[in-house]
Amino acid sequence: TFDGGITAIVGPNGCGKSNVADAIRWV
């Protein structure tokens, strides 16, 4: 969910953060 303001996704390397951006680009 993207609420008002800035939404940040944090986590260690390999947890899938970049996959979220890939999903947006893909759709």
mmCIF file of all heavy atoms, coordinates in Angstrom:
data_MODEL
# 
_entry.id   MODEL 
# 
loop_
_atom_site.group_PDB 
_atom_site.id 
_atom_site.type_symbol 
_atom_site.label_atom_id 
_atom_site.label_alt_id 
_atom_site.label_comp_id 
_atom_site.label_asym_id 
_atom_site.label_entity_id 
_atom_site.label_seq_id 
_atom_site.pdbx_PDB_ins_code 
_atom_site.Cartn_x 
_atom_site.Cartn_y 
_atom_site.Cartn_z 
_atom_site.occupancy 
_atom_site.B_iso_or_equiv 
_atom_site.pdbx_formal_charge 
_atom_site.auth_seq_id 
_atom_site.auth_comp_id 
_atom_site.auth_asym_id 
_atom_site.auth_atom_id 
_atom_site.pdbx_PDB_model_num 
ATOM 1   N N   . THR A 1 1  ? 0.841  -1.193  0.000   1.00 0.00 ? 1  THR A N   1 
ATOM 2   C CA  . THR A 1 1  ? 0.000  0.000   0.000   1.00 0.00 ? 1  THR A CA  1 
ATOM 3   C C   . THR A 1 1  ? 0.877  1.243   0.000   1.00 0.00 ? 1  THR A C   1 
ATOM 4   O O   . THR A 1 1  ? 1.835  1.354   0.786   1.00 0.00 ? 1  THR A O   1 
ATOM 5   C CB  . THR A 1 1  ? -0.913 0.013   1.237   1.00 0.00 ? 1  THR A CB  1 
ATOM 6   O OG1 . THR A 1 1  ? -1.725 -1.165  1.237   1.00 0.00 ? 1  THR A OG1 1 
ATOM 7   C CG2 . THR A 1 1  ? -1.817 1.240   1.217   1.00 0.00 ? 1  THR A CG2 1 
ATOM 8   N N   . PHE A 1 2  ? 0.538  2.165   -0.871  1.00 0.00 ? 2  PHE A N   1 
ATOM 9   C CA  . PHE A 1 2  ? 1.257  3.439   -0.954  1.00 0.00 ? 2  PHE A CA  1 
ATOM 10  C C   . PHE A 1 2  ? 0.385  4.527   -0.323  1.00 0.00 ? 2  PHE A C   1 
ATOM 11  O O   . PHE A 1 2  ? -0.583 4.990   -0.915  1.00 0.00 ? 2  PHE A O   1 
ATOM 12  C CB  . PHE A 1 2  ? 1.560  3.796   -2.410  1.00 0.00 ? 2  PHE A CB  1 
ATOM 13  C CG  . PHE A 1 2  ? 2.387  2.759   -3.127  1.00 0.00 ? 2  PHE A CG  1 
ATOM 14  C CD1 . PHE A 1 2  ? 1.783  1.788   -3.906  1.00 0.00 ? 2  PHE A CD1 1 
ATOM 15  C CD2 . PHE A 1 2  ? 3.770  2.750   -2.996  1.00 0.00 ? 2  PHE A CD2 1 
ATOM 16  C CE1 . PHE A 1 2  ? 2.542  0.833   -4.567  1.00 0.00 ? 2  PHE A CE1 1 
ATOM 17  C CE2 . PHE A 1 2  ? 4.535  1.803   -3.645  1.00 0.00 ? 2  PHE A CE2 1 
ATOM 18  C CZ  . PHE A 1 2  ? 3.921  0.834   -4.431  1.00 0.00 ? 2  PHE A CZ  1 
ATOM 19  N N   . ASP A 1 3  ? 0.729  4.901   0.901   1.00 0.00 ? 3  ASP A N   1 
ATOM 20  C CA  . ASP A 1 3  ? -0.004 5.968   1.577   1.00 0.00 ? 3  ASP A CA  1 
ATOM 21  C C   . ASP A 1 3  ? 0.546  7.321   1.147   1.00 0.00 ? 3  ASP A C   1 
ATOM 22  O O   . ASP A 1 3  ? 1.448  7.409   0.314   1.00 0.00 ? 3  ASP A O   1 
ATOM 23  C CB  . ASP A 1 3  ? 0.116  5.798   3.090   1.00 0.00 ? 3  ASP A CB  1 
ATOM 24  C CG  . ASP A 1 3  ? -0.557 4.505   3.556   1.00 0.00 ? 3  ASP A CG  1 
ATOM 25  O OD1 . ASP A 1 3  ? -1.613 4.174   2.988   1.00 0.00 ? 3  ASP A OD1 1 
ATOM 26  O OD2 . ASP A 1 3  ? -0.004 3.839   4.449   1.00 0.00 ? 3  ASP A OD2 1 
ATOM 27  N N   . GLY A 1 4  ? -0.007 8.398   1.722   1.00 0.00 ? 4  GLY A N   1 
ATOM 28  C CA  . GLY A 1 4  ? 0.480  9.724   1.379   1.00 0.00 ? 4  GLY A CA  1 
ATOM 29  C C   . GLY A 1 4  ? 1.941  9.913   1.762   1.00 0.00 ? 4  GLY A C   1 
ATOM 30  O O   . GLY A 1 4  ? 2.456  9.290   2.699   1.00 0.00 ? 4  GLY A O   1 
ATOM 31  N N   . GLY A 1 5  ? 2.651  10.745  1.022   1.00 0.00 ? 5  GLY A N   1 
ATOM 32  C CA  . GLY A 1 5  ? 4.059  10.973  1.290   1.00 0.00 ? 5  GLY A CA  1 
ATOM 33  C C   . GLY A 1 5  ? 4.938  9.965   0.592   1.00 0.00 ? 5  GLY A C   1 
ATOM 34  O O   . GLY A 1 5  ? 4.636  9.512   -0.508  1.00 0.00 ? 5  GLY A O   1 
ATOM 35  N N   . ILE A 1 6  ? 6.012  9.583   1.260   1.00 0.00 ? 6  ILE A N   1 
ATOM 36  C CA  . ILE A 1 6  ? 7.007  8.668   0.673   1.00 0.00 ? 6  ILE A CA  1 
ATOM 37  C C   . ILE A 1 6  ? 6.850  7.288   1.287   1.00 0.00 ? 6  ILE A C   1 
ATOM 38  O O   . ILE A 1 6  ? 6.757  7.143   2.512   1.00 0.00 ? 6  ILE A O   1 
ATOM 39  C CB  . ILE A 1 6  ? 8.436  9.184   0.905   1.00 0.00 ? 6  ILE A CB  1 
ATOM 40  C CG1 . ILE A 1 6  ? 8.615  10.544  0.210   1.00 0.00 ? 6  ILE A CG1 1 
ATOM 41  C CG2 . ILE A 1 6  ? 9.462  8.182   0.388   1.00 0.00 ? 6  ILE A CG2 1 
ATOM 42  C CD1 . ILE A 1 6  ? 9.961  11.183  0.487   1.00 0.00 ? 6  ILE A CD1 1 
ATOM 43  N N   . THR A 1 7  ? 6.807  6.269   0.430   1.00 0.00 ? 7  THR A N   1 
ATOM 44  C CA  . THR A 1 7  ? 6.761  4.881   0.885   1.00 0.00 ? 7  THR A CA  1 
ATOM 45  C C   . THR A 1 7  ? 8.120  4.253   0.626   1.00 0.00 ? 7  THR A C   1 
ATOM 46  O O   . THR A 1 7  ? 8.620  4.279   -0.503  1.00 0.00 ? 7  THR A O   1 
ATOM 47  C CB  . THR A 1 7  ? 5.681  4.081   0.140   1.00 0.00 ? 7  THR A CB  1 
ATOM 48  O OG1 . THR A 1 7  ? 4.400  4.684   0.385   1.00 0.00 ? 7  THR A OG1 1 
ATOM 49  C CG2 . THR A 1 7  ? 5.649  2.647   0.617   1.00 0.00 ? 7  THR A CG2 1 
ATOM 50  N N   . ALA A 1 8  ? 8.734  3.706   1.665   1.00 0.00 ? 8  ALA A N   1 
ATOM 51  C CA  . ALA A 1 8  ? 10.059 3.090   1.549   1.00 0.00 ? 8  ALA A CA  1 
ATOM 52  C C   . ALA A 1 8  ? 9.959  1.601   1.837   1.00 0.00 ? 8  ALA A C   1 
ATOM 53  O O   . ALA A 1 8  ? 9.208  1.180   2.719   1.00 0.00 ? 8  ALA A O   1 
ATOM 54  C CB  . ALA A 1 8  ? 11.036 3.742   2.513   1.00 0.00 ? 8  ALA A CB  1 
ATOM 55  N N   . ILE A 1 9  ? 10.675 0.822   1.073   1.00 0.00 ? 9  ILE A N   1 
ATOM 56  C CA  . ILE A 1 9  ? 10.764 -0.614  1.285   1.00 0.00 ? 9  ILE A CA  1 
ATOM 57  C C   . ILE A 1 9  ? 12.208 -0.926  1.668   1.00 0.00 ? 9  ILE A C   1 
ATOM 58  O O   . ILE A 1 9  ? 13.127 -0.699  0.881   1.00 0.00 ? 9  ILE A O   1 
ATOM 59  C CB  . ILE A 1 9  ? 10.364 -1.400  0.028   1.00 0.00 ? 9  ILE A CB  1 
ATOM 60  C CG1 . ILE A 1 9  ? 8.926  -1.058  -0.375  1.00 0.00 ? 9  ILE A CG1 1 
ATOM 61  C CG2 . ILE A 1 9  ? 10.493 -2.902  0.261   1.00 0.00 ? 9  ILE A CG2 1 
ATOM 62  C CD1 . ILE A 1 9  ? 8.481  -1.691  -1.663  1.00 0.00 ? 9  ILE A CD1 1 
ATOM 63  N N   . VAL A 1 10 ? 12.415 -1.410  2.865   1.00 0.00 ? 10 VAL A N   1 
ATOM 64  C CA  . VAL A 1 10 ? 13.766 -1.657  3.367   1.00 0.00 ? 10 VAL A CA  1 
ATOM 65  C C   . VAL A 1 10 ? 13.930 -3.139  3.668   1.00 0.00 ? 10 VAL A C   1 
ATOM 66  O O   . VAL A 1 10 ? 12.958 -3.848  3.935   1.00 0.00 ? 10 VAL A O   1 
ATOM 67  C CB  . VAL A 1 10 ? 14.062 -0.818  4.632   1.00 0.00 ? 10 VAL A CB  1 
ATOM 68  C CG1 . VAL A 1 10 ? 14.025 0.666   4.318   1.00 0.00 ? 10 VAL A CG1 1 
ATOM 69  C CG2 . VAL A 1 10 ? 13.078 -1.144  5.747   1.00 0.00 ? 10 VAL A CG2 1 
ATOM 70  N N   . GLY A 1 11 ? 15.155 -3.596  3.634   1.00 0.00 ? 11 GLY A N   1 
ATOM 71  C CA  . GLY A 1 11 ? 15.432 -4.988  3.933   1.00 0.00 ? 11 GLY A CA  1 
ATOM 72  C C   . GLY A 1 11 ? 16.823 -5.356  3.476   1.00 0.00 ? 11 GLY A C   1 
ATOM 73  O O   . GLY A 1 11 ? 17.477 -4.601  2.743   1.00 0.00 ? 11 GLY A O   1 
ATOM 74  N N   . PRO A 1 12 ? 17.320 -6.518  3.867   1.00 0.00 ? 12 PRO A N   1 
ATOM 75  C CA  . PRO A 1 12 ? 18.671 -6.943  3.494   1.00 0.00 ? 12 PRO A CA  1 
ATOM 76  C C   . PRO A 1 12 ? 18.752 -7.288  2.011   1.00 0.00 ? 12 PRO A C   1 
ATOM 77  O O   . PRO A 1 12 ? 17.734 -7.432  1.327   1.00 0.00 ? 12 PRO A O   1 
ATOM 78  C CB  . PRO A 1 12 ? 18.897 -8.180  4.371   1.00 0.00 ? 12 PRO A CB  1 
ATOM 79  C CG  . PRO A 1 12 ? 17.523 -8.736  4.601   1.00 0.00 ? 12 PRO A CG  1 
ATOM 80  C CD  . PRO A 1 12 ? 16.627 -7.528  4.697   1.00 0.00 ? 12 PRO A CD  1 
ATOM 81  N N   . ASN A 1 13 ? 19.970 -7.423  1.538   1.00 0.00 ? 13 ASN A N   1 
ATOM 82  C CA  . ASN A 1 13 ? 20.179 -7.805  0.149   1.00 0.00 ? 13 ASN A CA  1 
ATOM 83  C C   . ASN A 1 13 ? 19.547 -9.172  -0.130  1.00 0.00 ? 13 ASN A C   1 
ATOM 84  O O   . ASN A 1 13 ? 19.660 -10.103 0.669   1.00 0.00 ? 13 ASN A O   1 
ATOM 85  C CB  . ASN A 1 13 ? 21.675 -7.877  -0.172  1.00 0.00 ? 13 ASN A CB  1 
ATOM 86  C CG  . ASN A 1 13 ? 22.314 -6.499  -0.166  1.00 0.00 ? 13 ASN A CG  1 
ATOM 87  O OD1 . ASN A 1 13 ? 21.635 -5.489  -0.352  1.00 0.00 ? 13 ASN A OD1 1 
ATOM 88  N ND2 . ASN A 1 13 ? 23.620 -6.449  0.053   1.00 0.00 ? 13 ASN A ND2 1 
ATOM 89  N N   . GLY A 1 14 ? 18.877 -9.261  -1.260  1.00 0.00 ? 14 GLY A N   1 
ATOM 90  C CA  . GLY A 1 14 ? 18.280 -10.530 -1.670  1.00 0.00 ? 14 GLY A CA  1 
ATOM 91  C C   . GLY A 1 14 ? 16.883 -10.778 -1.143  1.00 0.00 ? 14 GLY A C   1 
ATOM 92  O O   . GLY A 1 14 ? 16.323 -11.856 -1.366  1.00 0.00 ? 14 GLY A O   1 
ATOM 93  N N   . CYS A 1 15 ? 16.297 -9.807  -0.453  1.00 0.00 ? 15 CYS A N   1 
ATOM 94  C CA  . CYS A 1 15 ? 14.967 -10.028 0.113   1.00 0.00 ? 15 CYS A CA  1 
ATOM 95  C C   . CYS A 1 15 ? 13.855 -9.727  -0.899  1.00 0.00 ? 15 CYS A C   1 
ATOM 96  O O   . CYS A 1 15 ? 12.683 -9.997  -0.632  1.00 0.00 ? 15 CYS A O   1 
ATOM 97  C CB  . CYS A 1 15 ? 14.768 -9.200  1.373   1.00 0.00 ? 15 CYS A CB  1 
ATOM 98  S SG  . CYS A 1 15 ? 14.650 -7.419  1.084   1.00 0.00 ? 15 CYS A SG  1 
ATOM 99  N N   . GLY A 1 16 ? 14.214 -9.134  -2.037  1.00 0.00 ? 16 GLY A N   1 
ATOM 100 C CA  . GLY A 1 16 ? 13.204 -8.916  -3.068  1.00 0.00 ? 16 GLY A CA  1 
ATOM 101 C C   . GLY A 1 16 ? 12.760 -7.480  -3.237  1.00 0.00 ? 16 GLY A C   1 
ATOM 102 O O   . GLY A 1 16 ? 11.736 -7.217  -3.875  1.00 0.00 ? 16 GLY A O   1 
ATOM 103 N N   . LYS A 1 17 ? 13.532 -6.529  -2.710  1.00 0.00 ? 17 LYS A N   1 
ATOM 104 C CA  . LYS A 1 17 ? 13.147 -5.112  -2.854  1.00 0.00 ? 17 LYS A CA  1 
ATOM 105 C C   . LYS A 1 17 ? 13.083 -4.705  -4.317  1.00 0.00 ? 17 LYS A C   1 
ATOM 106 O O   . LYS A 1 17 ? 12.122 -4.049  -4.752  1.00 0.00 ? 17 LYS A O   1 
ATOM 107 C CB  . LYS A 1 17 ? 14.154 -4.210  -2.111  1.00 0.00 ? 17 LYS A CB  1 
ATOM 108 C CG  . LYS A 1 17 ? 14.271 -4.469  -0.622  1.00 0.00 ? 17 LYS A CG  1 
ATOM 109 C CD  . LYS A 1 17 ? 15.141 -3.441  0.060   1.00 0.00 ? 17 LYS A CD  1 
ATOM 110 C CE  . LYS A 1 17 ? 16.579 -3.418  -0.472  1.00 0.00 ? 17 LYS A CE  1 
ATOM 111 N NZ  . LYS A 1 17 ? 17.283 -4.681  -0.218  1.00 0.00 ? 17 LYS A NZ  1 
ATOM 112 N N   . SER A 1 18 ? 14.093 -5.092  -5.083  1.00 0.00 ? 18 SER A N   1 
ATOM 113 C CA  . SER A 1 18 ? 14.117 -4.713  -6.498  1.00 0.00 ? 18 SER A CA  1 
ATOM 114 C C   . SER A 1 18 ? 13.012 -5.399  -7.287  1.00 0.00 ? 18 SER A C   1 
ATOM 115 O O   . SER A 1 18 ? 12.570 -4.885  -8.325  1.00 0.00 ? 18 SER A O   1 
ATOM 116 C CB  . SER A 1 18 ? 15.485 -5.063  -7.118  1.00 0.00 ? 18 SER A CB  1 
ATOM 117 O OG  . SER A 1 18 ? 16.527 -4.327  -6.496  1.00 0.00 ? 18 SER A OG  1 
ATOM 118 N N   . ASN A 1 19 ? 12.539 -6.536  -6.779  1.00 0.00 ? 19 ASN A N   1 
ATOM 119 C CA  . ASN A 1 19 ? 11.452 -7.235  -7.475  1.00 0.00 ? 19 ASN A CA  1 
ATOM 120 C C   . ASN A 1 19 ? 10.154 -6.432  -7.455  1.00 0.00 ? 19 ASN A C   1 
ATOM 121 O O   . ASN A 1 19 ? 9.314  -6.563  -8.347  1.00 0.00 ? 19 ASN A O   1 
ATOM 122 C CB  . ASN A 1 19 ? 11.218 -8.610  -6.848  1.00 0.00 ? 19 ASN A CB  1 
ATOM 123 C CG  . ASN A 1 19 ? 12.367 -9.569  -7.111  1.00 0.00 ? 19 ASN A CG  1 
ATOM 124 O OD1 . ASN A 1 19 ? 13.181 -9.344  -8.011  1.00 0.00 ? 19 ASN A OD1 1 
ATOM 125 N ND2 . ASN A 1 19 ? 12.456 -10.630 -6.328  1.00 0.00 ? 19 ASN A ND2 1 
ATOM 126 N N   . VAL A 1 20 ? 9.994  -5.594  -6.418  1.00 0.00 ? 20 VAL A N   1 
ATOM 127 C CA  . VAL A 1 20 ? 8.812  -4.742  -6.353  1.00 0.00 ? 20 VAL A CA  1 
ATOM 128 C C   . VAL A 1 20 ? 8.846  -3.723  -7.491  1.00 0.00 ? 20 VAL A C   1 
ATOM 129 O O   . VAL A 1 20 ? 7.852  -3.505  -8.191  1.00 0.00 ? 20 VAL A O   1 
ATOM 130 C CB  . VAL A 1 20 ? 8.715  -4.043  -4.986  1.00 0.00 ? 20 VAL A CB  1 
ATOM 131 C CG1 . VAL A 1 20 ? 7.534  -3.066  -4.967  1.00 0.00 ? 20 VAL A CG1 1 
ATOM 132 C CG2 . VAL A 1 20 ? 8.571  -5.065  -3.871  1.00 0.00 ? 20 VAL A CG2 1 
ATOM 133 N N   . ALA A 1 21 ? 10.021 -3.102  -7.682  1.00 0.00 ? 21 ALA A N   1 
ATOM 134 C CA  . ALA A 1 21 ? 10.171 -2.145  -8.785  1.00 0.00 ? 21 ALA A CA  1 
ATOM 135 C C   . ALA A 1 21 ? 10.010 -2.851  -10.136 1.00 0.00 ? 21 ALA A C   1 
ATOM 136 O O   . ALA A 1 21 ? 9.399  -2.300  -11.058 1.00 0.00 ? 21 ALA A O   1 
ATOM 137 C CB  . ALA A 1 21 ? 11.529 -1.455  -8.701  1.00 0.00 ? 21 ALA A CB  1 
ATOM 138 N N   . ASP A 1 22 ? 10.545 -4.080  -10.229 1.00 0.00 ? 22 ASP A N   1 
ATOM 139 C CA  . ASP A 1 22 ? 10.385 -4.841  -11.475 1.00 0.00 ? 22 ASP A CA  1 
ATOM 140 C C   . ASP A 1 22 ? 8.914  -5.143  -11.747 1.00 0.00 ? 22 ASP A C   1 
ATOM 141 O O   . ASP A 1 22 ? 8.468  -5.121  -12.903 1.00 0.00 ? 22 ASP A O   1 
ATOM 142 C CB  . ASP A 1 22 ? 11.160 -6.153  -11.391 1.00 0.00 ? 22 ASP A CB  1 
ATOM 143 C CG  . ASP A 1 22 ? 12.671 -5.948  -11.445 1.00 0.00 ? 22 ASP A CG  1 
ATOM 144 O OD1 . ASP A 1 22 ? 13.093 -4.856  -11.861 1.00 0.00 ? 22 ASP A OD1 1 
ATOM 145 O OD2 . ASP A 1 22 ? 13.411 -6.877  -11.072 1.00 0.00 ? 22 ASP A OD2 1 
ATOM 146 N N   . ALA A 1 23 ? 8.154  -5.419  -10.687 1.00 0.00 ? 23 ALA A N   1 
ATOM 147 C CA  . ALA A 1 23 ? 6.737  -5.718  -10.852 1.00 0.00 ? 23 ALA A CA  1 
ATOM 148 C C   . ALA A 1 23 ? 5.981  -4.511  -11.408 1.00 0.00 ? 23 ALA A C   1 
ATOM 149 O O   . ALA A 1 23 ? 5.120  -4.648  -12.282 1.00 0.00 ? 23 ALA A O   1 
ATOM 150 C CB  . ALA A 1 23 ? 6.127  -6.155  -9.518  1.00 0.00 ? 23 ALA A CB  1 
ATOM 151 N N   . ILE A 1 24 ? 6.336  -3.317  -10.902 1.00 0.00 ? 24 ILE A N   1 
ATOM 152 C CA  . ILE A 1 24 ? 5.690  -2.097  -11.396 1.00 0.00 ? 24 ILE A CA  1 
ATOM 153 C C   . ILE A 1 24 ? 6.040  -1.886  -12.869 1.00 0.00 ? 24 ILE A C   1 
ATOM 154 O O   . ILE A 1 24 ? 5.172  -1.599  -13.698 1.00 0.00 ? 24 ILE A O   1 
ATOM 155 C CB  . ILE A 1 24 ? 6.114  -0.880  -10.556 1.00 0.00 ? 24 ILE A CB  1 
ATOM 156 C CG1 . ILE A 1 24 ? 5.598  -1.033  -9.118  1.00 0.00 ? 24 ILE A CG1 1 
ATOM 157 C CG2 . ILE A 1 24 ? 5.599  0.416   -11.168 1.00 0.00 ? 24 ILE A CG2 1 
ATOM 158 C CD1 . ILE A 1 24 ? 6.053  0.049   -8.176  1.00 0.00 ? 24 ILE A CD1 1 
ATOM 159 N N   . ARG A 1 25 ? 7.302  -2.039  -13.186 1.00 0.00 ? 25 ARG A N   1 
ATOM 160 C CA  . ARG A 1 25 ? 7.730  -1.870  -14.581 1.00 0.00 ? 25 ARG A CA  1 
ATOM 161 C C   . ARG A 1 25 ? 7.057  -2.914  -15.483 1.00 0.00 ? 25 ARG A C   1 
ATOM 162 O O   . ARG A 1 25 ? 6.643  -2.603  -16.601 1.00 0.00 ? 25 ARG A O   1 
ATOM 163 C CB  . ARG A 1 25 ? 9.259  -2.003  -14.654 1.00 0.00 ? 25 ARG A CB  1 
ATOM 164 C CG  . ARG A 1 25 ? 9.831  -1.799  -16.051 1.00 0.00 ? 25 ARG A CG  1 
ATOM 165 C CD  . ARG A 1 25 ? 11.348 -1.977  -16.030 1.00 0.00 ? 25 ARG A CD  1 
ATOM 166 N NE  . ARG A 1 25 ? 11.988 -0.823  -15.464 1.00 0.00 ? 25 ARG A NE  1 
ATOM 167 C CZ  . ARG A 1 25 ? 12.336 0.252   -16.177 1.00 0.00 ? 25 ARG A CZ  1 
ATOM 168 N NH1 . ARG A 1 25 ? 12.064 0.301   -17.462 1.00 0.00 ? 25 ARG A NH1 1 
ATOM 169 N NH2 . ARG A 1 25 ? 12.935 1.268   -15.611 1.00 0.00 ? 25 ARG A NH2 1 
ATOM 170 N N   . TRP A 1 26 ? 6.920  -4.134  -14.983 1.00 0.00 ? 26 TRP A N   1 
ATOM 171 C CA  . TRP A 1 26 ? 6.345  -5.227  -15.775 1.00 0.00 ? 26 TRP A CA  1 
ATOM 172 C C   . TRP A 1 26 ? 4.873  -4.986  -16.058 1.00 0.00 ? 26 TRP A C   1 
ATOM 173 O O   . TRP A 1 26 ? 4.411  -5.139  -17.185 1.00 0.00 ? 26 TRP A O   1 
ATOM 174 C CB  . TRP A 1 26 ? 6.541  -6.552  -15.033 1.00 0.00 ? 26 TRP A CB  1 
ATOM 175 C CG  . TRP A 1 26 ? 6.110  -7.766  -15.799 1.00 0.00 ? 26 TRP A CG  1 
ATOM 176 C CD1 . TRP A 1 26 ? 6.709  -8.323  -16.888 1.00 0.00 ? 26 TRP A CD1 1 
ATOM 177 C CD2 . TRP A 1 26 ? 4.956  -8.574  -15.520 1.00 0.00 ? 26 TRP A CD2 1 
ATOM 178 N NE1 . TRP A 1 26 ? 6.015  -9.433  -17.298 1.00 0.00 ? 26 TRP A NE1 1 
ATOM 179 C CE2 . TRP A 1 26 ? 4.945  -9.611  -16.487 1.00 0.00 ? 26 TRP A CE2 1 
ATOM 180 C CE3 . TRP A 1 26 ? 3.960  -8.529  -14.555 1.00 0.00 ? 26 TRP A CE3 1 
ATOM 181 C CZ2 . TRP A 1 26 ? 3.950  -10.594 -16.505 1.00 0.00 ? 26 TRP A CZ2 1 
ATOM 182 C CZ3 . TRP A 1 26 ? 2.971  -9.505  -14.573 1.00 0.00 ? 26 TRP A CZ3 1 
ATOM 183 C CH2 . TRP A 1 26 ? 2.965  -10.524 -15.548 1.00 0.00 ? 26 TRP A CH2 1 
ATOM 184 N N   . VAL A 1 27 ? 4.097  -4.613  -15.035 1.00 0.00 ? 27 VAL A N   1 
ATOM 185 C CA  . VAL A 1 27 ? 2.663  -4.418  -15.214 1.00 0.00 ? 27 VAL A CA  1 
ATOM 186 C C   . VAL A 1 27 ? 2.369  -3.219  -16.107 1.00 0.00 ? 27 VAL A C   1 
ATOM 187 O O   . VAL A 1 27 ? 1.303  -3.150  -16.733 1.00 0.00 ? 27 VAL A O   1 
ATOM 188 C CB  . VAL A 1 27 ? 1.953  -4.263  -13.851 1.00 0.00 ? 27 VAL A CB  1 
ATOM 189 C CG1 . VAL A 1 27 ? 2.222  -2.894  -13.250 1.00 0.00 ? 27 VAL A CG1 1 
ATOM 190 C CG2 . VAL A 1 27 ? 0.447  -4.490  -13.989 1.00 0.00 ? 27 VAL A CG2 1 
# 
